[in-house]
Amino acid sequence: MTITNERLAEYEFLRPMRGDGYYPAHLVAAGGEILRALCERIEAEPPRGLDELYALTHAATEEFNLLAEEFEAAGSEIETVARDTIAVDFEHLAQAYGFPDADLEELVAPRDW
């Protein structure tokens, strides 16, 4: 499925992490895919409110929790820069889909990173 939201269709998720040798490129790409898949889920069945949005973002956050293990196995980690980058992209995504009041901390509440 192609992302139709104009603000997100060409958006480069996790940009600050790309090209930084500390973060394995294939894992950064996998994180970007998690966020693109989240966009696709939102577009396929638009959330009717924040609770439904949070259910979707929490599922994506759980995927990042698993990805964090792969970062560690590769000698990297989801540390301060990565945490901020991921959270900001979640927030950007929520705003792009019409949820300007989404709480950043709640968007990624189940995070282990």
N, C-alpha and C. Protein backbone atom coordinates (compact mmCIF):
# COMPACT_ATOMS: atom_id res chain seq x y z
N MET A 1 0.85 -1.17 0.00
CA MET A 1 0.00 0.00 0.00
C MET A 1 0.90 1.24 0.00
N THR A 2 0.47 2.23 -0.72
CA THR A 2 1.20 3.49 -0.79
C THR A 2 0.62 4.47 0.22
N ILE A 3 1.48 5.18 0.91
CA ILE A 3 1.04 6.20 1.86
C ILE A 3 0.49 7.37 1.05
N THR A 4 -0.73 7.78 1.37
CA THR A 4 -1.37 8.86 0.61
C THR A 4 -1.29 10.21 1.29
N ASN A 5 -1.00 10.24 2.58
CA ASN A 5 -0.90 11.50 3.30
C ASN A 5 0.26 12.31 2.71
N GLU A 6 -0.04 13.50 2.24
CA GLU A 6 0.97 14.33 1.58
C GLU A 6 2.16 14.66 2.47
N ARG A 7 1.92 14.83 3.76
CA ARG A 7 3.02 15.17 4.68
C ARG A 7 3.92 13.98 4.96
N LEU A 8 3.43 12.77 4.68
CA LEU A 8 4.19 11.58 5.03
C LEU A 8 4.62 10.74 3.83
N ALA A 9 4.03 10.95 2.68
CA ALA A 9 4.32 10.12 1.51
C ALA A 9 5.81 10.10 1.17
N GLU A 10 6.46 11.23 1.25
CA GLU A 10 7.88 11.33 0.93
C GLU A 10 8.74 11.64 2.15
N TYR A 11 8.14 11.56 3.33
CA TYR A 11 8.85 11.88 4.57
C TYR A 11 9.94 10.84 4.83
N GLU A 12 11.11 11.30 5.20
CA GLU A 12 12.22 10.40 5.50
C GLU A 12 12.25 10.14 7.01
N PHE A 13 11.65 9.02 7.39
CA PHE A 13 11.63 8.65 8.80
C PHE A 13 13.05 8.36 9.30
N LEU A 14 13.31 8.73 10.52
CA LEU A 14 14.57 8.48 11.22
C LEU A 14 15.77 9.13 10.54
N ARG A 15 15.56 10.25 9.91
CA ARG A 15 16.62 10.92 9.16
C ARG A 15 17.90 11.16 9.97
N PRO A 16 17.83 11.66 11.21
CA PRO A 16 19.08 11.91 11.94
C PRO A 16 19.92 10.64 12.20
N MET A 17 19.31 9.49 12.10
CA MET A 17 20.03 8.24 12.34
C MET A 17 20.67 7.70 11.06
N ARG A 18 20.17 8.13 9.93
CA ARG A 18 20.67 7.61 8.64
C ARG A 18 22.05 8.18 8.37
N GLY A 19 22.93 7.33 7.92
CA GLY A 19 24.27 7.76 7.59
C GLY A 19 25.20 7.90 8.79
N ASP A 20 24.68 7.69 9.99
CA ASP A 20 25.51 7.73 11.19
C ASP A 20 26.00 6.30 11.43
N GLY A 21 27.28 6.11 11.35
CA GLY A 21 27.87 4.79 11.46
C GLY A 21 27.56 4.04 12.75
N TYR A 22 27.12 4.76 13.77
CA TYR A 22 26.78 4.10 15.03
C TYR A 22 25.54 3.23 14.89
N TYR A 23 24.65 3.64 13.99
CA TYR A 23 23.40 2.92 13.81
C TYR A 23 23.48 2.06 12.54
N PRO A 24 23.37 0.74 12.67
CA PRO A 24 23.41 -0.11 11.48
C PRO A 24 22.30 0.28 10.49
N ALA A 25 22.71 0.51 9.26
CA ALA A 25 21.78 1.00 8.24
C ALA A 25 20.57 0.09 8.06
N HIS A 26 20.79 -1.22 8.10
CA HIS A 26 19.65 -2.13 7.90
C HIS A 26 18.65 -2.05 9.05
N LEU A 27 19.12 -1.72 10.25
CA LEU A 27 18.20 -1.59 11.39
C LEU A 27 17.48 -0.25 11.36
N VAL A 28 18.15 0.79 10.92
CA VAL A 28 17.48 2.08 10.74
C VAL A 28 16.40 1.93 9.67
N ALA A 29 16.72 1.22 8.59
CA ALA A 29 15.73 0.97 7.53
C ALA A 29 14.54 0.19 8.08
N ALA A 30 14.81 -0.79 8.94
CA ALA A 30 13.73 -1.57 9.55
C ALA A 30 12.85 -0.68 10.43
N GLY A 31 13.47 0.25 11.15
CA GLY A 31 12.68 1.20 11.96
C GLY A 31 11.81 2.08 11.09
N GLY A 32 12.36 2.54 9.97
CA GLY A 32 11.57 3.33 9.03
C GLY A 32 10.39 2.54 8.50
N GLU A 33 10.60 1.25 8.26
CA GLU A 33 9.51 0.39 7.78
C GLU A 33 8.42 0.23 8.84
N ILE A 34 8.80 0.17 10.10
CA ILE A 34 7.80 0.11 11.18
C ILE A 34 6.91 1.34 11.11
N LEU A 35 7.51 2.50 10.93
CA LEU A 35 6.74 3.74 10.89
C LEU A 35 5.90 3.84 9.61
N ARG A 36 6.44 3.38 8.49
CA ARG A 36 5.64 3.38 7.25
C ARG A 36 4.45 2.42 7.38
N ALA A 37 4.68 1.27 7.98
CA ALA A 37 3.59 0.32 8.19
C ALA A 37 2.52 0.90 9.11
N LEU A 38 2.95 1.68 10.09
CA LEU A 38 2.00 2.36 10.97
C LEU A 38 1.14 3.32 10.15
N CYS A 39 1.77 4.07 9.27
CA CYS A 39 1.01 4.97 8.39
C CYS A 39 -0.02 4.19 7.58
N GLU A 40 0.39 3.08 7.03
CA GLU A 40 -0.51 2.26 6.22
C GLU A 40 -1.69 1.75 7.05
N ARG A 41 -1.43 1.34 8.29
CA ARG A 41 -2.52 0.87 9.16
C ARG A 41 -3.48 2.00 9.48
N ILE A 42 -2.94 3.19 9.73
CA ILE A 42 -3.79 4.34 10.02
C ILE A 42 -4.64 4.69 8.81
N GLU A 43 -4.07 4.62 7.63
CA GLU A 43 -4.83 4.96 6.43
C GLU A 43 -5.86 3.87 6.08
N ALA A 44 -5.54 2.62 6.37
CA ALA A 44 -6.46 1.52 6.07
C ALA A 44 -7.69 1.57 6.98
N GLU A 45 -7.46 1.88 8.26
CA GLU A 45 -8.56 1.97 9.23
C GLU A 45 -8.29 3.16 10.13
N PRO A 46 -8.68 4.35 9.69
CA PRO A 46 -8.38 5.57 10.45
C PRO A 46 -8.92 5.50 11.88
N PRO A 47 -8.07 5.81 12.85
CA PRO A 47 -8.52 5.83 14.25
C PRO A 47 -9.58 6.91 14.44
N ARG A 48 -10.58 6.60 15.24
CA ARG A 48 -11.67 7.55 15.50
C ARG A 48 -11.41 8.44 16.69
N GLY A 49 -10.30 8.24 17.33
CA GLY A 49 -9.95 9.06 18.48
C GLY A 49 -8.57 8.69 18.97
N LEU A 50 -8.15 9.40 20.01
CA LEU A 50 -6.80 9.18 20.54
C LEU A 50 -6.59 7.76 21.06
N ASP A 51 -7.60 7.18 21.69
CA ASP A 51 -7.43 5.82 22.22
C ASP A 51 -7.11 4.83 21.10
N GLU A 52 -7.79 4.96 19.98
CA GLU A 52 -7.53 4.07 18.86
C GLU A 52 -6.15 4.37 18.25
N LEU A 53 -5.78 5.64 18.19
CA LEU A 53 -4.45 6.00 17.69
C LEU A 53 -3.38 5.40 18.60
N TYR A 54 -3.55 5.57 19.92
CA TYR A 54 -2.57 5.05 20.86
C TYR A 54 -2.44 3.52 20.75
N ALA A 55 -3.52 2.83 20.50
CA ALA A 55 -3.44 1.37 20.34
C ALA A 55 -2.53 1.03 19.16
N LEU A 56 -2.64 1.79 18.09
CA LEU A 56 -1.79 1.56 16.92
C LEU A 56 -0.34 1.94 17.19
N THR A 57 -0.12 3.09 17.83
CA THR A 57 1.26 3.51 18.08
C THR A 57 1.92 2.61 19.12
N HIS A 58 1.14 2.09 20.06
CA HIS A 58 1.71 1.18 21.05
C HIS A 58 2.18 -0.12 20.38
N ALA A 59 1.41 -0.61 19.43
CA ALA A 59 1.82 -1.82 18.71
C ALA A 59 3.12 -1.56 17.95
N ALA A 60 3.24 -0.39 17.33
CA ALA A 60 4.47 -0.05 16.61
C ALA A 60 5.63 0.13 17.59
N THR A 61 5.36 0.69 18.75
CA THR A 61 6.40 0.85 19.77
C THR A 61 6.92 -0.51 20.22
N GLU A 62 6.03 -1.48 20.35
CA GLU A 62 6.45 -2.83 20.72
C GLU A 62 7.38 -3.41 19.67
N GLU A 63 7.13 -3.08 18.40
CA GLU A 63 8.03 -3.53 17.33
C GLU A 63 9.41 -2.88 17.50
N PHE A 64 9.43 -1.61 17.90
CA PHE A 64 10.71 -0.95 18.16
C PHE A 64 11.41 -1.58 19.37
N ASN A 65 10.65 -2.04 20.35
CA ASN A 65 11.25 -2.73 21.50
C ASN A 65 12.02 -3.97 21.03
N LEU A 66 11.44 -4.71 20.10
CA LEU A 66 12.12 -5.89 19.56
C LEU A 66 13.33 -5.47 18.73
N LEU A 67 13.17 -4.40 17.98
CA LEU A 67 14.28 -3.90 17.16
C LEU A 67 15.44 -3.43 18.03
N ALA A 68 15.13 -2.91 19.21
CA ALA A 68 16.18 -2.45 20.13
C ALA A 68 17.13 -3.60 20.48
N GLU A 69 16.60 -4.80 20.60
CA GLU A 69 17.44 -5.97 20.88
C GLU A 69 18.41 -6.22 19.73
N GLU A 70 17.95 -6.00 18.51
CA GLU A 70 18.82 -6.19 17.35
C GLU A 70 19.90 -5.11 17.30
N PHE A 71 19.54 -3.88 17.69
CA PHE A 71 20.54 -2.82 17.77
C PHE A 71 21.64 -3.23 18.75
N GLU A 72 21.25 -3.72 19.91
CA GLU A 72 22.22 -4.12 20.93
C GLU A 72 23.09 -5.26 20.43
N ALA A 73 22.49 -6.23 19.75
CA ALA A 73 23.26 -7.36 19.23
C ALA A 73 24.27 -6.90 18.18
N ALA A 74 23.99 -5.78 17.53
CA ALA A 74 24.89 -5.24 16.50
C ALA A 74 25.89 -4.24 17.08
N GLY A 75 25.93 -4.11 18.40
CA GLY A 75 26.88 -3.20 19.04
C GLY A 75 26.42 -1.76 19.06
N SER A 76 25.17 -1.53 18.91
CA SER A 76 24.59 -0.19 18.93
C SER A 76 23.48 -0.20 19.98
N GLU A 77 22.73 0.87 20.04
CA GLU A 77 21.57 0.91 20.93
C GLU A 77 20.66 2.06 20.55
N ILE A 78 19.45 1.98 21.03
CA ILE A 78 18.52 3.10 20.88
C ILE A 78 18.76 3.99 22.10
N GLU A 79 19.69 4.95 21.91
CA GLU A 79 20.08 5.85 22.99
C GLU A 79 19.42 7.21 22.77
N THR A 80 19.92 8.23 23.40
CA THR A 80 19.26 9.53 23.43
C THR A 80 18.88 10.07 22.05
N VAL A 81 19.83 10.12 21.13
CA VAL A 81 19.52 10.65 19.80
C VAL A 81 18.45 9.81 19.12
N ALA A 82 18.62 8.50 19.18
CA ALA A 82 17.66 7.60 18.55
C ALA A 82 16.28 7.70 19.21
N ARG A 83 16.25 7.74 20.54
CA ARG A 83 14.97 7.85 21.25
C ARG A 83 14.23 9.11 20.82
N ASP A 84 14.95 10.22 20.80
CA ASP A 84 14.33 11.49 20.41
C ASP A 84 13.86 11.45 18.96
N THR A 85 14.68 10.88 18.08
CA THR A 85 14.33 10.81 16.67
C THR A 85 13.07 9.99 16.47
N ILE A 86 13.01 8.83 17.10
CA ILE A 86 11.84 7.96 16.96
C ILE A 86 10.60 8.65 17.52
N ALA A 87 10.71 9.21 18.70
CA ALA A 87 9.55 9.87 19.32
C ALA A 87 9.06 11.05 18.48
N VAL A 88 9.98 11.85 17.97
CA VAL A 88 9.59 13.00 17.14
C VAL A 88 8.87 12.52 15.88
N ASP A 89 9.32 11.41 15.30
CA ASP A 89 8.65 10.89 14.11
C ASP A 89 7.25 10.38 14.46
N PHE A 90 7.08 9.75 15.60
CA PHE A 90 5.74 9.34 16.05
C PHE A 90 4.85 10.58 16.19
N GLU A 91 5.37 11.63 16.78
CA GLU A 91 4.60 12.85 16.97
C GLU A 91 4.25 13.49 15.63
N HIS A 92 5.20 13.55 14.73
CA HIS A 92 4.96 14.11 13.39
C HIS A 92 3.86 13.33 12.68
N LEU A 93 3.93 12.03 12.78
CA LEU A 93 2.94 11.16 12.18
C LEU A 93 1.55 11.42 12.76
N ALA A 94 1.45 11.50 14.07
CA ALA A 94 0.16 11.76 14.72
C ALA A 94 -0.42 13.09 14.25
N GLN A 95 0.40 14.12 14.19
CA GLN A 95 -0.07 15.42 13.75
C GLN A 95 -0.50 15.39 12.29
N ALA A 96 0.25 14.70 11.46
CA ALA A 96 -0.08 14.62 10.03
C ALA A 96 -1.42 13.94 9.80
N TYR A 97 -1.80 13.04 10.69
CA TYR A 97 -3.08 12.35 10.56
C TYR A 97 -4.20 13.00 11.36
N GLY A 98 -3.97 14.24 11.80
CA GLY A 98 -5.05 15.00 12.42
C GLY A 98 -5.20 14.83 13.91
N PHE A 99 -4.12 14.48 14.58
CA PHE A 99 -4.17 14.32 16.04
C PHE A 99 -3.16 15.26 16.70
N PRO A 100 -3.39 16.57 16.61
CA PRO A 100 -2.43 17.53 17.17
C PRO A 100 -2.33 17.48 18.69
N ASP A 101 -3.34 16.91 19.35
CA ASP A 101 -3.35 16.84 20.80
C ASP A 101 -2.77 15.53 21.34
N ALA A 102 -2.25 14.70 20.46
CA ALA A 102 -1.68 13.43 20.91
C ALA A 102 -0.50 13.72 21.84
N ASP A 103 -0.46 13.02 22.95
CA ASP A 103 0.61 13.18 23.93
C ASP A 103 1.82 12.35 23.49
N LEU A 104 2.95 13.00 23.34
CA LEU A 104 4.16 12.34 22.87
C LEU A 104 4.52 11.14 23.74
N GLU A 105 4.48 11.31 25.04
CA GLU A 105 4.82 10.21 25.95
C GLU A 105 3.84 9.05 25.81
N GLU A 106 2.57 9.37 25.60
CA GLU A 106 1.57 8.30 25.46
C GLU A 106 1.71 7.58 24.13
N LEU A 107 2.13 8.30 23.10
CA LEU A 107 2.31 7.66 21.79
C LEU A 107 3.28 6.49 21.86
N VAL A 108 4.30 6.62 22.68
CA VAL A 108 5.34 5.57 22.79
C VAL A 108 5.41 4.99 24.19
N ALA A 109 4.28 4.99 24.90
CA ALA A 109 4.26 4.60 26.31
C ALA A 109 4.89 3.23 26.61
N PRO A 110 4.70 2.20 25.78
CA PRO A 110 5.28 0.90 26.17
C PRO A 110 6.76 0.73 25.79
N ARG A 111 7.43 1.81 25.49
CA ARG A 111 8.83 1.67 25.04
C ARG A 111 9.74 1.13 26.14
N ASP A 112 10.72 0.38 25.70
CA ASP A 112 11.76 -0.14 26.59
C ASP A 112 13.09 0.56 26.32
N TRP A 113 13.08 1.61 25.52
CA TRP A 113 14.32 2.26 25.10
C TRP A 113 14.34 3.68 25.58
